[in-house]
Amino acid sequence: MARLSEFEFNENKKDYSNEEILRNKYDEFKGMDREELNNKLFEEVARQKQNGTFDYDALSKMIETLRGSLPENDYNNLKRILESLK
């Protein structure tokens, strides 16, 4: 199973389109319940923190850019999750 951090857009790779990559990631996670998804998230964050690649500020900025596109409840949920990752 691929790690979340391995999800990348590489224009030099011609074997998968961005849409196919997104569809594959969706298929990978769609059958998981909230607890399974949270466990995957926390495992990945722990791995990134250990490697020194976790970027809280970048995630925070990304959530802020999505704010206008999200229902307020979803935005607040993302902020709550982000706070738990500190």
PDB file of N, CA and C in Angstrom:
ATOM      1  N   MET A   1       0.846  -1.175   0.000  1.00  0.00           N
ATOM      2  CA  MET A   1       0.000   0.000   0.000  1.00  0.00           C
ATOM      3  C   MET A   1       0.889   1.236   0.000  1.00  0.00           C
ATOM      4  N   ALA A   2       0.583   2.173  -0.855  1.00  0.00           N
ATOM      5  CA  ALA A   2       1.371   3.392  -0.960  1.00  0.00           C
ATOM      6  C   ALA A   2       1.136   4.298   0.233  1.00  0.00           C
ATOM      7  N   ARG A   3       2.156   5.020   0.595  1.00  0.00           N
ATOM      8  CA  ARG A   3       2.037   6.002   1.669  1.00  0.00           C
ATOM      9  C   ARG A   3       1.456   7.291   1.102  1.00  0.00           C
ATOM     10  N   LEU A   4       0.810   8.043   1.956  1.00  0.00           N
ATOM     11  CA  LEU A   4       0.244   9.311   1.521  1.00  0.00           C
ATOM     12  C   LEU A   4       1.323  10.232   0.970  1.00  0.00           C
ATOM     13  N   SER A   5       2.498  10.181   1.551  1.00  0.00           N
ATOM     14  CA  SER A   5       3.572  11.064   1.109  1.00  0.00           C
ATOM     15  C   SER A   5       4.110  10.673  -0.257  1.00  0.00           C
ATOM     16  N   GLU A   6       3.791   9.478  -0.735  1.00  0.00           N
ATOM     17  CA  GLU A   6       4.244   9.045  -2.046  1.00  0.00           C
ATOM     18  C   GLU A   6       3.326   9.545  -3.151  1.00  0.00           C
ATOM     19  N   PHE A   7       2.234  10.190  -2.758  1.00  0.00           N
ATOM     20  CA  PHE A   7       1.309  10.766  -3.715  1.00  0.00           C
ATOM     21  C   PHE A   7       1.944  12.032  -4.257  1.00  0.00           C
ATOM     22  N   GLU A   8       2.299  12.017  -5.510  1.00  0.00           N
ATOM     23  CA  GLU A   8       2.960  13.162  -6.096  1.00  0.00           C
ATOM     24  C   GLU A   8       2.519  13.337  -7.534  1.00  0.00           C
ATOM     25  N   PHE A   9       2.655  14.531  -7.998  1.00  0.00           N
ATOM     26  CA  PHE A   9       2.386  14.821  -9.384  1.00  0.00           C
ATOM     27  C   PHE A   9       3.730  15.004 -10.070  1.00  0.00           C
ATOM     28  N   ASN A  10       4.074  14.097 -10.924  1.00  0.00           N
ATOM     29  CA  ASN A  10       5.345  14.153 -11.618  1.00  0.00           C
ATOM     30  C   ASN A  10       5.050  14.170 -13.110  1.00  0.00           C
ATOM     31  N   GLU A  11       5.270  15.310 -13.739  1.00  0.00           N
ATOM     32  CA  GLU A  11       4.930  15.451 -15.142  1.00  0.00           C
ATOM     33  C   GLU A  11       5.795  14.578 -16.036  1.00  0.00           C
ATOM     34  N   ASN A  12       6.917  14.094 -15.530  1.00  0.00           N
ATOM     35  CA  ASN A  12       7.765  13.221 -16.313  1.00  0.00           C
ATOM     36  C   ASN A  12       7.227  11.798 -16.389  1.00  0.00           C
ATOM     37  N   LYS A  13       6.321  11.431 -15.480  1.00  0.00           N
ATOM     38  CA  LYS A  13       5.727  10.103 -15.493  1.00  0.00           C
ATOM     39  C   LYS A  13       4.541  10.122 -16.439  1.00  0.00           C
ATOM     40  N   LYS A  14       4.614   9.341 -17.492  1.00  0.00           N
ATOM     41  CA  LYS A  14       3.545   9.334 -18.480  1.00  0.00           C
ATOM     42  C   LYS A  14       2.613   8.152 -18.300  1.00  0.00           C
ATOM     43  N   ASP A  15       2.926   7.239 -17.363  1.00  0.00           N
ATOM     44  CA  ASP A  15       2.120   6.039 -17.227  1.00  0.00           C
ATOM     45  C   ASP A  15       0.810   6.285 -16.484  1.00  0.00           C
ATOM     46  N   TYR A  16       0.687   7.341 -15.723  1.00  0.00           N
ATOM     47  CA  TYR A  16      -0.542   7.659 -15.007  1.00  0.00           C
ATOM     48  C   TYR A  16      -0.858   9.138 -15.154  1.00  0.00           C
ATOM     49  N   SER A  17      -2.115   9.430 -15.409  1.00  0.00           N
ATOM     50  CA  SER A  17      -2.531  10.834 -15.414  1.00  0.00           C
ATOM     51  C   SER A  17      -2.850  11.231 -13.979  1.00  0.00           C
ATOM     52  N   ASN A  18      -2.914  12.520 -13.735  1.00  0.00           N
ATOM     53  CA  ASN A  18      -3.267  12.994 -12.395  1.00  0.00           C
ATOM     54  C   ASN A  18      -4.627  12.463 -11.986  1.00  0.00           C
ATOM     55  N   GLU A  19      -5.549  12.407 -12.934  1.00  0.00           N
ATOM     56  CA  GLU A  19      -6.879  11.891 -12.637  1.00  0.00           C
ATOM     57  C   GLU A  19      -6.823  10.427 -12.224  1.00  0.00           C
ATOM     58  N   GLU A  20      -5.999   9.638 -12.898  1.00  0.00           N
ATOM     59  CA  GLU A  20      -5.856   8.224 -12.540  1.00  0.00           C
ATOM     60  C   GLU A  20      -5.233   8.058 -11.156  1.00  0.00           C
ATOM     61  N   ILE A  21      -4.268   8.886 -10.840  1.00  0.00           N
ATOM     62  CA  ILE A  21      -3.626   8.837  -9.528  1.00  0.00           C
ATOM     63  C   ILE A  21      -4.657   9.145  -8.448  1.00  0.00           C
ATOM     64  N   LEU A  22      -5.437  10.189  -8.661  1.00  0.00           N
ATOM     65  CA  LEU A  22      -6.474  10.552  -7.688  1.00  0.00           C
ATOM     66  C   LEU A  22      -7.513   9.444  -7.553  1.00  0.00           C
ATOM     67  N   ARG A  23      -7.912   8.865  -8.673  1.00  0.00           N
ATOM     68  CA  ARG A  23      -8.900   7.787  -8.638  1.00  0.00           C
ATOM     69  C   ARG A  23      -8.348   6.584  -7.867  1.00  0.00           C
ATOM     70  N   ASN A  24      -7.091   6.244  -8.091  1.00  0.00           N
ATOM     71  CA  ASN A  24      -6.467   5.122  -7.377  1.00  0.00           C
ATOM     72  C   ASN A  24      -6.405   5.387  -5.878  1.00  0.00           C
ATOM     73  N   LYS A  25      -6.056   6.603  -5.490  1.00  0.00           N
ATOM     74  CA  LYS A  25      -6.013   6.944  -4.067  1.00  0.00           C
ATOM     75  C   LYS A  25      -7.417   6.891  -3.466  1.00  0.00           C
ATOM     76  N   TYR A  26      -8.380   7.394  -4.202  1.00  0.00           N
ATOM     77  CA  TYR A  26      -9.761   7.331  -3.724  1.00  0.00           C
ATOM     78  C   TYR A  26     -10.176   5.876  -3.505  1.00  0.00           C
ATOM     79  N   ASP A  27      -9.901   5.035  -4.483  1.00  0.00           N
ATOM     80  CA  ASP A  27     -10.258   3.615  -4.371  1.00  0.00           C
ATOM     81  C   ASP A  27      -9.555   2.948  -3.190  1.00  0.00           C
ATOM     82  N   GLU A  28      -8.331   3.355  -2.935  1.00  0.00           N
ATOM     83  CA  GLU A  28      -7.570   2.778  -1.832  1.00  0.00           C
ATOM     84  C   GLU A  28      -8.212   3.084  -0.476  1.00  0.00           C
ATOM     85  N   PHE A  29      -8.750   4.275  -0.321  1.00  0.00           N
ATOM     86  CA  PHE A  29      -9.255   4.714   0.980  1.00  0.00           C
ATOM     87  C   PHE A  29     -10.776   4.687   1.125  1.00  0.00           C
ATOM     88  N   LYS A  30     -11.515   4.512   0.056  1.00  0.00           N
ATOM     89  CA  LYS A  30     -12.973   4.670   0.115  1.00  0.00           C
ATOM     90  C   LYS A  30     -13.683   3.661   1.005  1.00  0.00           C
ATOM     91  N   GLY A  31     -13.133   2.478   1.180  1.00  0.00           N
ATOM     92  CA  GLY A  31     -13.797   1.469   1.997  1.00  0.00           C
ATOM     93  C   GLY A  31     -13.455   1.542   3.477  1.00  0.00           C
ATOM     94  N   MET A  32     -12.606   2.494   3.844  1.00  0.00           N
ATOM     95  CA  MET A  32     -12.179   2.595   5.237  1.00  0.00           C
ATOM     96  C   MET A  32     -13.160   3.423   6.047  1.00  0.00           C
ATOM     97  N   ASP A  33     -13.359   3.026   7.295  1.00  0.00           N
ATOM     98  CA  ASP A  33     -14.188   3.836   8.181  1.00  0.00           C
ATOM     99  C   ASP A  33     -13.328   4.950   8.794  1.00  0.00           C
ATOM    100  N   ARG A  34     -13.952   5.801   9.563  1.00  0.00           N
ATOM    101  CA  ARG A  34     -13.263   6.962  10.138  1.00  0.00           C
ATOM    102  C   ARG A  34     -12.055   6.551  10.981  1.00  0.00           C
ATOM    103  N   GLU A  35     -12.215   5.518  11.776  1.00  0.00           N
ATOM    104  CA  GLU A  35     -11.113   5.071  12.634  1.00  0.00           C
ATOM    105  C   GLU A  35      -9.931   4.576  11.801  1.00  0.00           C
ATOM    106  N   GLU A  36     -10.208   3.815  10.760  1.00  0.00           N
ATOM    107  CA  GLU A  36      -9.131   3.326   9.893  1.00  0.00           C
ATOM    108  C   GLU A  36      -8.421   4.485   9.196  1.00  0.00           C
ATOM    109  N   LEU A  37      -9.195   5.440   8.716  1.00  0.00           N
ATOM    110  CA  LEU A  37      -8.594   6.607   8.067  1.00  0.00           C
ATOM    111  C   LEU A  37      -7.742   7.411   9.044  1.00  0.00           C
ATOM    112  N   ASN A  38      -8.253   7.612  10.252  1.00  0.00           N
ATOM    113  CA  ASN A  38      -7.475   8.338  11.265  1.00  0.00           C
ATOM    114  C   ASN A  38      -6.189   7.599  11.596  1.00  0.00           C
ATOM    115  N   ASN A  39      -6.261   6.279  11.720  1.00  0.00           N
ATOM    116  CA  ASN A  39      -5.057   5.500  12.003  1.00  0.00           C
ATOM    117  C   ASN A  39      -4.029   5.651  10.892  1.00  0.00           C
ATOM    118  N   LYS A  40      -4.478   5.596   9.640  1.00  0.00           N
ATOM    119  CA  LYS A  40      -3.563   5.794   8.503  1.00  0.00           C
ATOM    120  C   LYS A  40      -2.925   7.180   8.563  1.00  0.00           C
ATOM    121  N   LEU A  41      -3.743   8.167   8.852  1.00  0.00           N
ATOM    122  CA  LEU A  41      -3.238   9.534   8.932  1.00  0.00           C
ATOM    123  C   LEU A  41      -2.180   9.664  10.018  1.00  0.00           C
ATOM    124  N   PHE A  42      -2.483   9.171  11.208  1.00  0.00           N
ATOM    125  CA  PHE A  42      -1.539   9.310  12.315  1.00  0.00           C
ATOM    126  C   PHE A  42      -0.263   8.498  12.083  1.00  0.00           C
ATOM    127  N   GLU A  43      -0.371   7.352  11.426  1.00  0.00           N
ATOM    128  CA  GLU A  43       0.829   6.569  11.080  1.00  0.00           C
ATOM    129  C   GLU A  43       1.716   7.359  10.118  1.00  0.00           C
ATOM    130  N   GLU A  44       1.085   7.958   9.117  1.00  0.00           N
ATOM    131  CA  GLU A  44       1.849   8.725   8.131  1.00  0.00           C
ATOM    132  C   GLU A  44       2.475   9.961   8.762  1.00  0.00           C
ATOM    133  N   VAL A  45       1.749  10.658   9.601  1.00  0.00           N
ATOM    134  CA  VAL A  45       2.294  11.847  10.268  1.00  0.00           C
ATOM    135  C   VAL A  45       3.466  11.457  11.163  1.00  0.00           C
ATOM    136  N   ALA A  46       3.341  10.364  11.888  1.00  0.00           N
ATOM    137  CA  ALA A  46       4.438   9.901  12.746  1.00  0.00           C
ATOM    138  C   ALA A  46       5.671   9.586  11.906  1.00  0.00           C
ATOM    139  N   ARG A  47       5.459   8.946  10.760  1.00  0.00           N
ATOM    140  CA  ARG A  47       6.585   8.616   9.874  1.00  0.00           C
ATOM    141  C   ARG A  47       7.234   9.893   9.357  1.00  0.00           C
ATOM    142  N   GLN A  48       6.413  10.853   8.943  1.00  0.00           N
ATOM    143  CA  GLN A  48       6.963  12.106   8.436  1.00  0.00           C
ATOM    144  C   GLN A  48       7.690  12.886   9.524  1.00  0.00           C
ATOM    145  N   LYS A  49       7.154  12.909  10.722  1.00  0.00           N
ATOM    146  CA  LYS A  49       7.836  13.597  11.829  1.00  0.00           C
ATOM    147  C   LYS A  49       9.180  12.947  12.110  1.00  0.00           C
ATOM    148  N   GLN A  50       9.214  11.630  12.081  1.00  0.00           N
ATOM    149  CA  GLN A  50      10.465  10.918  12.324  1.00  0.00           C
ATOM    150  C   GLN A  50      11.496  11.245  11.250  1.00  0.00           C
ATOM    151  N   ASN A  51      11.033  11.402  10.002  1.00  0.00           N
ATOM    152  CA  ASN A  51      11.930  11.719   8.892  1.00  0.00           C
ATOM    153  C   ASN A  51      12.216  13.209   8.751  1.00  0.00           C
ATOM    154  N   GLY A  52      11.508  14.013   9.538  1.00  0.00           N
ATOM    155  CA  GLY A  52      11.702  15.458   9.458  1.00  0.00           C
ATOM    156  C   GLY A  52      11.028  16.091   8.253  1.00  0.00           C
ATOM    157  N   THR A  53      10.021  15.422   7.689  1.00  0.00           N
ATOM    158  CA  THR A  53       9.363  15.945   6.494  1.00  0.00           C
ATOM    159  C   THR A  53       7.949  16.458   6.750  1.00  0.00           C
ATOM    160  N   PHE A  54       7.473  16.367   7.984  1.00  0.00           N
ATOM    161  CA  PHE A  54       6.125  16.842   8.299  1.00  0.00           C
ATOM    162  C   PHE A  54       6.119  18.361   8.301  1.00  0.00           C
ATOM    163  N   ASP A  55       5.194  18.964   7.565  1.00  0.00           N
ATOM    164  CA  ASP A  55       5.140  20.426   7.445  1.00  0.00           C
ATOM    165  C   ASP A  55       3.757  20.932   7.878  1.00  0.00           C
ATOM    166  N   TYR A  56       3.638  21.195   9.152  1.00  0.00           N
ATOM    167  CA  TYR A  56       2.380  21.670   9.740  1.00  0.00           C
ATOM    168  C   TYR A  56       1.933  22.974   9.081  1.00  0.00           C
ATOM    169  N   ASP A  57       2.863  23.886   8.877  1.00  0.00           N
ATOM    170  CA  ASP A  57       2.515  25.187   8.308  1.00  0.00           C
ATOM    171  C   ASP A  57       1.948  25.060   6.898  1.00  0.00           C
ATOM    172  N   ALA A  58       2.528  24.182   6.087  1.00  0.00           N
ATOM    173  CA  ALA A  58       2.018  23.984   4.725  1.00  0.00           C
ATOM    174  C   ALA A  58       0.605  23.406   4.757  1.00  0.00           C
ATOM    175  N   LEU A  59       0.357  22.465   5.660  1.00  0.00           N
ATOM    176  CA  LEU A  59      -0.990  21.906   5.782  1.00  0.00           C
ATOM    177  C   LEU A  59      -1.981  22.975   6.234  1.00  0.00           C
ATOM    178  N   SER A  60      -1.569  23.785   7.175  1.00  0.00           N
ATOM    179  CA  SER A  60      -2.432  24.850   7.667  1.00  0.00           C
ATOM    180  C   SER A  60      -2.781  25.830   6.550  1.00  0.00           C
ATOM    181  N   LYS A  61      -1.798  26.207   5.755  1.00  0.00           N
ATOM    182  CA  LYS A  61      -2.036  27.121   4.636  1.00  0.00           C
ATOM    183  C   LYS A  61      -2.964  26.490   3.598  1.00  0.00           C
ATOM    184  N   MET A  62      -2.791  25.200   3.343  1.00  0.00           N
ATOM    185  CA  MET A  62      -3.639  24.509   2.385  1.00  0.00           C
ATOM    186  C   MET A  62      -5.097  24.525   2.851  1.00  0.00           C
ATOM    187  N   ILE A  63      -5.311  24.250   4.129  1.00  0.00           N
ATOM    188  CA  ILE A  63      -6.672  24.260   4.675  1.00  0.00           C
ATOM    189  C   ILE A  63      -7.280  25.651   4.554  1.00  0.00           C
ATOM    190  N   GLU A  64      -6.483  26.677   4.803  1.00  0.00           N
ATOM    191  CA  GLU A  64      -6.992  28.043   4.685  1.00  0.00           C
ATOM    192  C   GLU A  64      -7.368  28.378   3.244  1.00  0.00           C
ATOM    193  N   THR A  65      -6.624  27.855   2.274  1.00  0.00           N
ATOM    194  CA  THR A  65      -6.974  28.119   0.871  1.00  0.00           C
ATOM    195  C   THR A  65      -8.258  27.396   0.475  1.00  0.00           C
ATOM    196  N   LEU A  66      -8.569  26.299   1.147  1.00  0.00           N
ATOM    197  CA  LEU A  66      -9.794  25.551   0.857  1.00  0.00           C
ATOM    198  C   LEU A  66     -11.015  26.115   1.569  1.00  0.00           C
ATOM    199  N   ARG A  67     -10.804  26.974   2.520  1.00  0.00           N
ATOM    200  CA  ARG A  67     -11.894  27.439   3.394  1.00  0.00           C
ATOM    201  C   ARG A  67     -13.117  27.927   2.625  1.00  0.00           C
ATOM    202  N   GLY A  68     -12.928  28.721   1.609  1.00  0.00           N
ATOM    203  CA  GLY A  68     -14.049  29.258   0.851  1.00  0.00           C
ATOM    204  C   GLY A  68     -14.811  28.217   0.053  1.00  0.00           C
ATOM    205  N   SER A  69     -14.193  27.069  -0.180  1.00  0.00           N
ATOM    206  CA  SER A  69     -14.817  26.004  -0.964  1.00  0.00           C
ATOM    207  C   SER A  69     -15.474  24.938  -0.113  1.00  0.00           C
ATOM    208  N   LEU A  70     -15.271  25.009   1.190  1.00  0.00           N
ATOM    209  CA  LEU A  70     -15.774  23.969   2.092  1.00  0.00           C
ATOM    210  C   LEU A  70     -16.945  24.473   2.917  1.00  0.00           C
ATOM    211  N   PRO A  71     -17.880  23.579   3.214  1.00  0.00           N
ATOM    212  CA  PRO A  71     -18.881  23.937   4.220  1.00  0.00           C
ATOM    213  C   PRO A  71     -18.168  24.223   5.553  1.00  0.00           C
ATOM    214  N   GLU A  72     -18.710  25.111   6.329  1.00  0.00           N
ATOM    215  CA  GLU A  72     -18.076  25.515   7.587  1.00  0.00           C
ATOM    216  C   GLU A  72     -17.777  24.322   8.491  1.00  0.00           C
ATOM    217  N   ASN A  73     -18.678  23.360   8.537  1.00  0.00           N
ATOM    218  CA  ASN A  73     -18.489  22.172   9.365  1.00  0.00           C
ATOM    219  C   ASN A  73     -17.253  21.370   8.925  1.00  0.00           C
ATOM    220  N   ASP A  74     -17.081  21.221   7.605  1.00  0.00           N
ATOM    221  CA  ASP A  74     -15.908  20.492   7.093  1.00  0.00           C
ATOM    222  C   ASP A  74     -14.615  21.245   7.389  1.00  0.00           C
ATOM    223  N   TYR A  75     -14.668  22.560   7.207  1.00  0.00           N
ATOM    224  CA  TYR A  75     -13.492  23.375   7.520  1.00  0.00           C
ATOM    225  C   TYR A  75     -13.110  23.233   8.992  1.00  0.00           C
ATOM    226  N   ASN A  76     -14.089  23.329   9.877  1.00  0.00           N
ATOM    227  CA  ASN A  76     -13.815  23.193  11.312  1.00  0.00           C
ATOM    228  C   ASN A  76     -13.286  21.808  11.651  1.00  0.00           C
ATOM    229  N   ASN A  77     -13.792  20.791  10.985  1.00  0.00           N
ATOM    230  CA  ASN A  77     -13.301  19.434  11.211  1.00  0.00           C
ATOM    231  C   ASN A  77     -11.837  19.310  10.788  1.00  0.00           C
ATOM    232  N   LEU A  78     -11.492  19.877   9.638  1.00  0.00           N
ATOM    233  CA  LEU A  78     -10.095  19.845   9.189  1.00  0.00           C
ATOM    234  C   LEU A  78      -9.176  20.586  10.164  1.00  0.00           C
ATOM    235  N   LYS A  79      -9.639  21.727  10.654  1.00  0.00           N
ATOM    236  CA  LYS A  79      -8.839  22.476  11.629  1.00  0.00           C
ATOM    237  C   LYS A  79      -8.630  21.668  12.909  1.00  0.00           C
ATOM    238  N   ARG A  80      -9.680  20.980  13.350  1.00  0.00           N
ATOM    239  CA  ARG A  80      -9.586  20.146  14.557  1.00  0.00           C
ATOM    240  C   ARG A  80      -8.581  19.011  14.345  1.00  0.00           C
ATOM    241  N   ILE A  81      -8.658  18.373  13.197  1.00  0.00           N
ATOM    242  CA  ILE A  81      -7.720  17.293  12.885  1.00  0.00           C
ATOM    243  C   ILE A  81      -6.297  17.835  12.833  1.00  0.00           C
ATOM    244  N   LEU A  82      -6.131  18.968  12.169  1.00  0.00           N
ATOM    245  CA  LEU A  82      -4.795  19.566  12.063  1.00  0.00           C
ATOM    246  C   LEU A  82      -4.221  19.887  13.435  1.00  0.00           C
ATOM    247  N   GLU A  83      -5.027  20.433  14.318  1.00  0.00           N
ATOM    248  CA  GLU A  83      -4.551  20.735  15.672  1.00  0.00           C
ATOM    249  C   GLU A  83      -4.091  19.476  16.403  1.00  0.00           C
ATOM    250  N   SER A  84      -4.740  18.368  16.128  1.00  0.00           N
ATOM    251  CA  SER A  84      -4.367  17.109  16.793  1.00  0.00           C
ATOM    252  C   SER A  84      -3.039  16.556  16.277  1.00  0.00           C
ATOM    253  N   LEU A  85      -2.559  17.082  15.174  1.00  0.00           N
ATOM    254  CA  LEU A  85      -1.311  16.592  14.570  1.00  0.00           C
ATOM    255  C   LEU A  85      -0.073  17.318  15.065  1.00  0.00           C
ATOM    256  N   LYS A  86      -0.250  18.373  15.836  1.00  0.00           N
ATOM    257  CA  LYS A  86       0.912  19.153  16.329  1.00  0.00           C
ATOM    258  C   LYS A  86       1.852  18.295  17.129  1.00  0.00           C
TER     259      LYS A  86
END
